[in-house]
Protein backbone atom coordinates (compact mmCIF):
# COMPACT_ATOMS: atom_id res chain seq x y z
CA MET A 1 10.69 38.04 -19.46
CA MET A 2 11.75 36.70 -16.08
CA PRO A 3 12.75 33.26 -14.75
CA LEU A 4 9.59 31.80 -13.24
CA ARG A 5 11.59 29.63 -10.88
CA ALA A 6 11.98 32.66 -8.66
CA LEU A 7 8.23 32.69 -8.05
CA ALA A 8 8.05 29.06 -6.92
CA PRO A 9 8.70 29.77 -3.21
CA LEU A 10 5.84 32.30 -3.22
CA TRP A 11 3.34 29.87 -4.71
CA ILE A 12 4.49 27.09 -2.38
CA ALA A 13 3.95 29.38 0.59
CA VAL A 14 0.41 30.10 -0.61
CA ILE A 15 -0.34 26.38 -1.03
CA VAL A 16 1.01 25.43 2.37
CA SER A 17 -0.82 28.25 4.11
CA ALA A 18 -4.06 26.91 2.68
CA LEU A 19 -3.64 23.48 4.28
CA PRO A 20 -5.84 22.69 7.29
CA ALA A 21 -4.10 22.64 10.65
CA ARG A 22 -5.33 21.55 14.05
CA GLY A 23 -2.95 23.42 16.30
CA GLY A 24 0.55 23.53 17.65
CA ASP A 25 1.07 19.79 17.31
CA GLU A 26 0.73 19.98 13.52
CA LYS A 27 3.71 20.05 11.17
CA ILE A 28 3.06 21.07 7.57
CA TRP A 29 5.18 19.39 4.89
CA LEU A 30 5.45 19.63 1.12
CA GLU A 31 6.88 17.28 -1.50
CA VAL A 32 7.34 18.95 -4.91
CA GLN A 33 7.40 16.66 -7.96
CA ALA A 34 7.42 19.32 -10.67
CA PRO A 35 9.29 21.36 -11.66
CA GLU A 36 12.35 19.23 -10.95
CA PRO A 37 15.24 20.72 -8.94
CA GLY A 38 17.44 23.00 -11.02
CA THR A 39 14.81 23.56 -13.71
CA VAL A 40 14.58 27.11 -15.02
CA VAL A 41 11.26 27.98 -16.66
CA THR A 42 10.75 31.21 -18.56
CA GLY A 43 7.64 32.68 -20.09
CA PRO A 44 5.62 35.84 -20.63
CA ILE A 45 3.29 35.16 -17.67
CA GLY A 46 4.51 35.45 -14.11
CA MET A 47 3.05 32.14 -12.98
CA LEU A 48 4.51 28.69 -12.39
CA GLU A 49 2.60 25.44 -12.10
CA VAL A 50 3.78 23.33 -9.15
CA GLU A 51 2.81 19.69 -8.77
CA GLY A 52 3.33 17.43 -5.79
CA TRP A 53 1.96 16.48 -2.39
CA ALA A 54 1.35 18.38 0.81
CA GLY A 55 0.12 17.25 4.16
CA ALA A 56 0.09 17.70 7.90
CA SER A 57 1.53 15.31 10.42
CA SER A 58 0.71 15.59 14.10
CA GLU A 59 1.69 14.14 17.43
CA ASP A 60 -0.86 11.33 16.88
CA ARG A 61 0.70 7.88 16.92
CA HIS A 62 -0.16 5.18 14.41
CA GLU A 63 0.39 1.44 14.47
CA LEU A 64 -0.28 -0.47 11.30
CA ILE A 65 0.22 -3.87 9.73
CA VAL A 66 0.65 -4.21 5.96
CA ALA A 67 -0.79 -7.54 4.75
CA ILE A 68 0.76 -8.51 1.40
CA ASP A 69 -0.92 -11.05 -0.88
CA VAL A 70 1.55 -13.70 -2.09
CA SER A 71 -1.00 -16.02 -3.73
CA ARG A 72 -0.39 -17.62 -7.12
CA SER A 73 -1.82 -14.75 -9.16
CA THR A 74 0.68 -12.26 -7.73
CA GLY A 75 3.39 -14.06 -9.71
CA LEU A 76 1.91 -12.74 -12.95
CA PRO A 77 3.29 -9.62 -14.69
CA SER A 78 2.19 -6.28 -13.29
CA GLY A 79 2.43 -4.65 -16.72
CA VAL A 80 5.08 -2.15 -15.61
CA ASP A 81 8.86 -2.07 -15.21
CA VAL A 82 8.81 -2.23 -11.42
CA ASN A 83 12.54 -2.83 -11.01
CA ALA A 84 13.43 -0.16 -13.61
CA ASN A 85 15.78 -2.39 -15.57
CA GLY A 86 14.50 -1.21 -18.93
CA ARG A 87 12.38 -4.31 -19.63
CA ILE A 88 8.74 -4.97 -18.81
CA GLY A 89 8.09 -8.51 -17.63
CA ARG A 90 5.65 -10.57 -19.69
CA THR A 91 3.69 -13.75 -19.12
CA LEU A 92 5.78 -16.78 -20.02
CA ARG A 93 4.47 -18.98 -22.79
CA SER A 94 4.18 -22.01 -20.52
CA ASN A 95 1.59 -20.09 -18.48
CA ARG A 96 -0.46 -19.19 -21.57
CA ASP A 97 -0.34 -22.50 -23.43
CA PRO A 98 -2.77 -25.08 -21.96
CA LEU A 99 -0.76 -27.85 -23.61
CA ARG A 100 2.39 -27.01 -21.70
CA PRO A 101 2.59 -27.45 -17.91
CA PRO A 102 3.26 -24.08 -16.25
CA ASN A 103 6.22 -23.53 -13.97
CA PRO A 104 4.64 -22.65 -10.59
CA ARG A 105 7.78 -20.77 -9.57
CA ARG A 106 8.07 -18.68 -12.72
CA ARG A 107 5.07 -17.07 -14.39
CA CYS A 108 6.70 -13.79 -15.46
CA SER A 109 9.79 -13.29 -17.61
CA ASP A 110 11.14 -10.75 -15.08
CA LEU A 111 10.55 -11.61 -11.43
CA GLY A 112 11.15 -7.96 -10.58
CA ASP A 113 8.04 -6.92 -12.52
CA THR A 114 5.38 -9.16 -10.98
CA VAL A 115 2.28 -8.01 -9.10
CA LEU A 116 4.06 -9.11 -5.91
CA ALA A 117 7.04 -6.91 -6.83
CA ALA A 118 4.63 -3.99 -7.29
CA GLU A 119 3.07 -4.68 -3.88
CA ILE A 120 6.49 -4.70 -2.24
CA ALA A 121 7.49 -1.49 -4.04
CA GLY A 122 4.26 0.12 -2.85
CA ALA A 123 4.96 -0.91 0.74
CA ARG A 124 8.43 0.63 0.51
CA TYR A 125 6.96 3.84 -0.89
CA LEU A 126 4.51 4.01 1.99
CA LEU A 127 7.27 3.50 4.57
CA ASP A 128 9.25 6.34 3.02
CA HIS A 129 6.31 8.65 3.68
CA LEU A 130 5.60 7.68 7.29
CA ASP A 131 7.29 9.30 10.27
CA PRO A 132 9.12 6.48 12.11
CA LYS A 133 8.90 8.46 15.36
CA ARG A 134 5.10 8.42 15.22
CA THR A 135 4.31 5.28 13.24
CA ARG A 136 5.14 1.64 13.95
CA VAL A 137 4.76 -0.83 11.09
CA GLY A 138 4.65 -4.62 10.78
CA ILE A 139 4.41 -6.94 7.78
CA VAL A 140 2.20 -10.00 7.20
CA THR A 141 2.10 -12.17 4.08
CA PHE A 142 -0.82 -14.38 3.12
CA SER A 143 -2.08 -16.84 0.53
CA GLY A 144 -3.80 -20.03 1.72
CA GLY A 145 -2.71 -19.04 5.25
CA ALA A 146 -0.99 -16.04 6.80
CA ARG A 147 2.11 -15.37 8.88
CA VAL A 148 3.89 -12.45 10.47
CA ILE A 149 7.10 -11.56 8.64
CA ALA A 150 8.00 -8.50 10.71
CA PRO A 151 6.36 -7.69 14.07
CA LEU A 152 5.21 -4.24 15.06
CA GLU A 153 8.35 -3.63 17.11
CA SER A 154 10.55 -3.90 14.00
CA SER A 155 12.84 -1.03 13.06
CA ARG A 156 12.65 0.50 9.61
CA GLU A 157 15.84 -1.38 8.73
CA GLU A 158 14.26 -4.66 9.81
CA ILE A 159 11.13 -3.89 7.82
CA GLY A 160 13.26 -3.22 4.75
CA ALA A 161 15.12 -6.49 5.27
CA ALA A 162 11.80 -8.35 5.59
CA LEU A 163 10.59 -6.89 2.29
CA ASP A 164 13.92 -7.88 0.70
CA GLU A 165 13.38 -11.42 2.00
CA ILE A 166 9.88 -11.58 0.52
CA ALA A 167 11.13 -10.32 -2.84
CA ALA A 168 14.05 -12.75 -2.97
CA ASN A 169 12.59 -15.94 -1.55
CA THR A 170 8.81 -15.93 -1.98
CA SER A 171 7.34 -17.99 -4.80
CA PRO A 172 3.73 -16.86 -5.23
CA SER A 173 1.42 -19.82 -4.77
CA GLY A 174 -1.82 -20.91 -3.19
CA THR A 175 -5.23 -19.33 -2.79
CA THR A 176 -6.33 -15.96 -1.37
CA ASN A 177 -7.42 -16.47 2.23
CA ILE A 178 -8.38 -12.96 3.26
CA ALA A 179 -9.98 -14.09 6.53
CA ALA A 180 -6.64 -15.57 7.64
CA ALA A 181 -4.89 -12.34 6.63
CA LEU A 182 -7.30 -10.22 8.69
CA ARG A 183 -7.06 -12.39 11.80
CA THR A 184 -3.28 -12.72 11.69
CA ALA A 185 -2.73 -9.02 11.01
CA THR A 186 -5.16 -8.02 13.76
CA ARG A 187 -3.33 -10.18 16.29
CA ALA A 188 -0.03 -8.70 15.12
CA VAL A 189 -1.14 -5.11 15.61
CA LEU A 190 -2.74 -5.81 18.99
CA ASP A 191 0.11 -7.96 20.30
CA GLY A 192 2.70 -5.25 19.79
CA ALA A 193 4.34 -4.11 23.02
CA SER A 194 2.53 -0.98 24.19
CA ILE A 195 4.33 2.34 24.41
CA PRO A 196 3.42 4.77 27.21
CA GLY A 197 1.41 7.72 26.01
CA ALA A 198 -1.75 8.43 24.10
CA GLU A 199 -3.59 5.47 22.60
CA PRO A 200 -2.41 5.01 18.99
CA HIS A 201 -4.58 4.76 15.89
CA ARG A 202 -4.43 1.13 14.77
CA SER A 203 -4.84 0.16 11.13
CA LEU A 204 -4.53 -2.80 8.82
CA ILE A 205 -3.59 -2.29 5.17
CA LEU A 206 -4.71 -5.17 2.97
CA LEU A 207 -3.06 -5.52 -0.45
CA SER A 208 -4.62 -8.20 -2.67
CA ASP A 209 -5.18 -8.91 -6.33
CA GLY A 210 -7.41 -11.94 -5.89
CA THR A 211 -11.01 -12.93 -5.48
CA PRO A 212 -11.46 -14.51 -2.02
CA GLU A 213 -10.60 -18.16 -2.43
CA GLY A 214 -10.40 -21.24 -0.31
CA TYR A 215 -11.65 -24.78 -0.10
CA LYS A 216 -15.21 -23.65 0.56
CA PRO A 217 -17.84 -22.15 -1.76
CA ILE A 218 -17.35 -18.43 -2.42
CA GLU A 219 -20.38 -17.52 -0.29
CA GLU A 220 -18.89 -19.26 2.73
CA ASN A 221 -15.51 -17.63 2.12
CA VAL A 222 -17.11 -14.18 1.99
CA ALA A 223 -19.11 -14.86 5.17
CA GLU A 224 -15.92 -15.86 6.98
CA ILE A 225 -14.14 -12.72 5.76
CA VAL A 226 -16.98 -10.48 6.93
CA GLU A 227 -16.95 -12.20 10.34
CA ALA A 228 -13.18 -11.69 10.63
CA ALA A 229 -13.56 -8.03 9.63
CA LEU A 230 -16.23 -7.48 12.28
CA GLU A 231 -13.90 -8.95 14.90
CA THR A 232 -11.16 -6.60 13.71
CA ALA A 233 -13.47 -3.57 13.87
CA GLU A 234 -14.67 -4.49 17.37
CA MET A 235 -11.04 -4.41 18.51
CA GLY A 236 -10.65 -0.83 17.26
CA VAL A 237 -8.56 -1.62 14.19
CA ARG A 238 -9.44 0.04 10.88
CA ILE A 239 -9.12 -1.96 7.66
CA HIS A 240 -7.89 -0.16 4.55
CA ALA A 241 -8.43 -2.55 1.63
CA PHE A 242 -6.56 -2.05 -1.64
CA ALA A 243 -7.98 -4.25 -4.41
CA ILE A 244 -5.48 -4.52 -7.24
CA GLY A 245 -7.04 -5.08 -10.66
CA VAL A 246 -10.67 -4.32 -11.42
CA GLU A 247 -11.44 -7.92 -12.37
CA ILE A 248 -11.26 -9.05 -8.75
CA MET A 249 -14.33 -7.00 -7.94
CA GLU A 250 -16.57 -9.13 -10.14
CA GLY A 251 -19.16 -11.05 -8.16
CA THR A 252 -18.48 -9.58 -4.72
CA ASP A 253 -17.97 -6.24 -2.98
CA VAL A 254 -16.25 -7.85 -0.03
CA TYR A 255 -13.28 -5.47 -0.12
CA GLY A 256 -15.53 -2.44 0.16
CA SER A 257 -17.65 -4.07 2.85
CA ILE A 258 -14.81 -4.97 5.18
CA SER A 259 -13.36 -1.47 4.89
CA ALA A 260 -16.66 0.29 5.51
CA GLN A 261 -17.62 -1.68 8.61
CA SER A 262 -14.29 -0.89 10.28
CA GLY A 263 -14.27 2.81 9.37
CA GLY A 264 -11.42 2.34 6.90
CA HIS A 265 -10.95 3.16 3.23
CA PHE A 266 -11.49 1.02 0.17
CA VAL A 267 -9.37 1.71 -2.92
CA ALA A 268 -9.65 -0.15 -6.24
CA ILE A 269 -6.37 0.01 -8.14
CA GLN A 270 -6.65 -0.92 -11.79
CA LYS A 271 -2.94 -0.59 -12.51
CA PRO A 272 -0.41 -2.19 -10.13
CA ALA A 273 1.98 0.64 -10.98
CA ASP A 274 -0.28 2.97 -8.99
CA ILE A 275 -0.01 1.04 -5.72
CA GLY A 276 2.70 3.23 -4.20
CA MET A 277 1.04 6.54 -4.94
CA ARG A 278 -2.38 5.31 -3.82
CA LEU A 279 -0.91 4.00 -0.57
CA ALA A 280 0.78 7.32 0.04
CA ARG A 281 -2.61 9.04 -0.27
CA LEU A 282 -4.01 6.97 2.58
CA ASN A 283 -5.47 9.20 5.27
CA LEU A 284 -2.94 8.45 8.00
CA THR A 285 -1.03 11.72 7.66
CA ARG A 286 -3.80 13.68 5.91
CA ARG A 287 -1.98 14.04 2.59
CA THR A 288 -3.43 16.49 0.11
CA GLU A 289 -2.76 16.64 -3.62
CA VAL A 290 -1.63 20.09 -4.83
């Protein structure tokens, strides 16, 4: 019987060698999640199961804006312990009881476990997996309207501070104006000061848990969103739409439509806890599950 940990480097080498590569500008990377560092596994068979992520990053440059939904529904519990404090936030009674007026600033017993908190955690996870030398990132928040929180020229430290600011001082409220989010985010990614060199790949990541809302009928809201998405696509910006919670897909496939017409990806996320991992799988650095 031999320690199987000794075989891990061999299997990792096999996995990495199987990844597609485009040439000398490609850098292969591997993130191992299991077994954990220091683990010694023994057994009668000379094989070891390795789980994690692998991918290839190249000299291609990316510029992307993350649009974070801060509408009223994002103040509800995500169903997971986002802030890892040992407690899972729950819906407060005043938000379940029709006879008691709800507190618009407090819909979850733990503000660190809301859908908004899960969105912010997912954005942080994505940033941790993007090469700052090749990828510039900006942040937009939206509900009834939209505004730029961090422009494309922001450093990673400034992006982190902007996310801290959203987490600490944003009270989810208002409707879900996706058209405003698309237009504001598109301007933000196109207005960024250009950097000499090859033309970057420009993308917009839309995080939302709501059905498109506004002061117009749903059909008019959807038509406006589609028009905004077409404008975005015509400007060479891809839209990657992440719909959080399967219930928001009822009655409209607008999220899938706006992604498809811009050449982006549509991802339906049933559990807010999965936002980070699903964002990290986005095809910006060609990640591959192993």
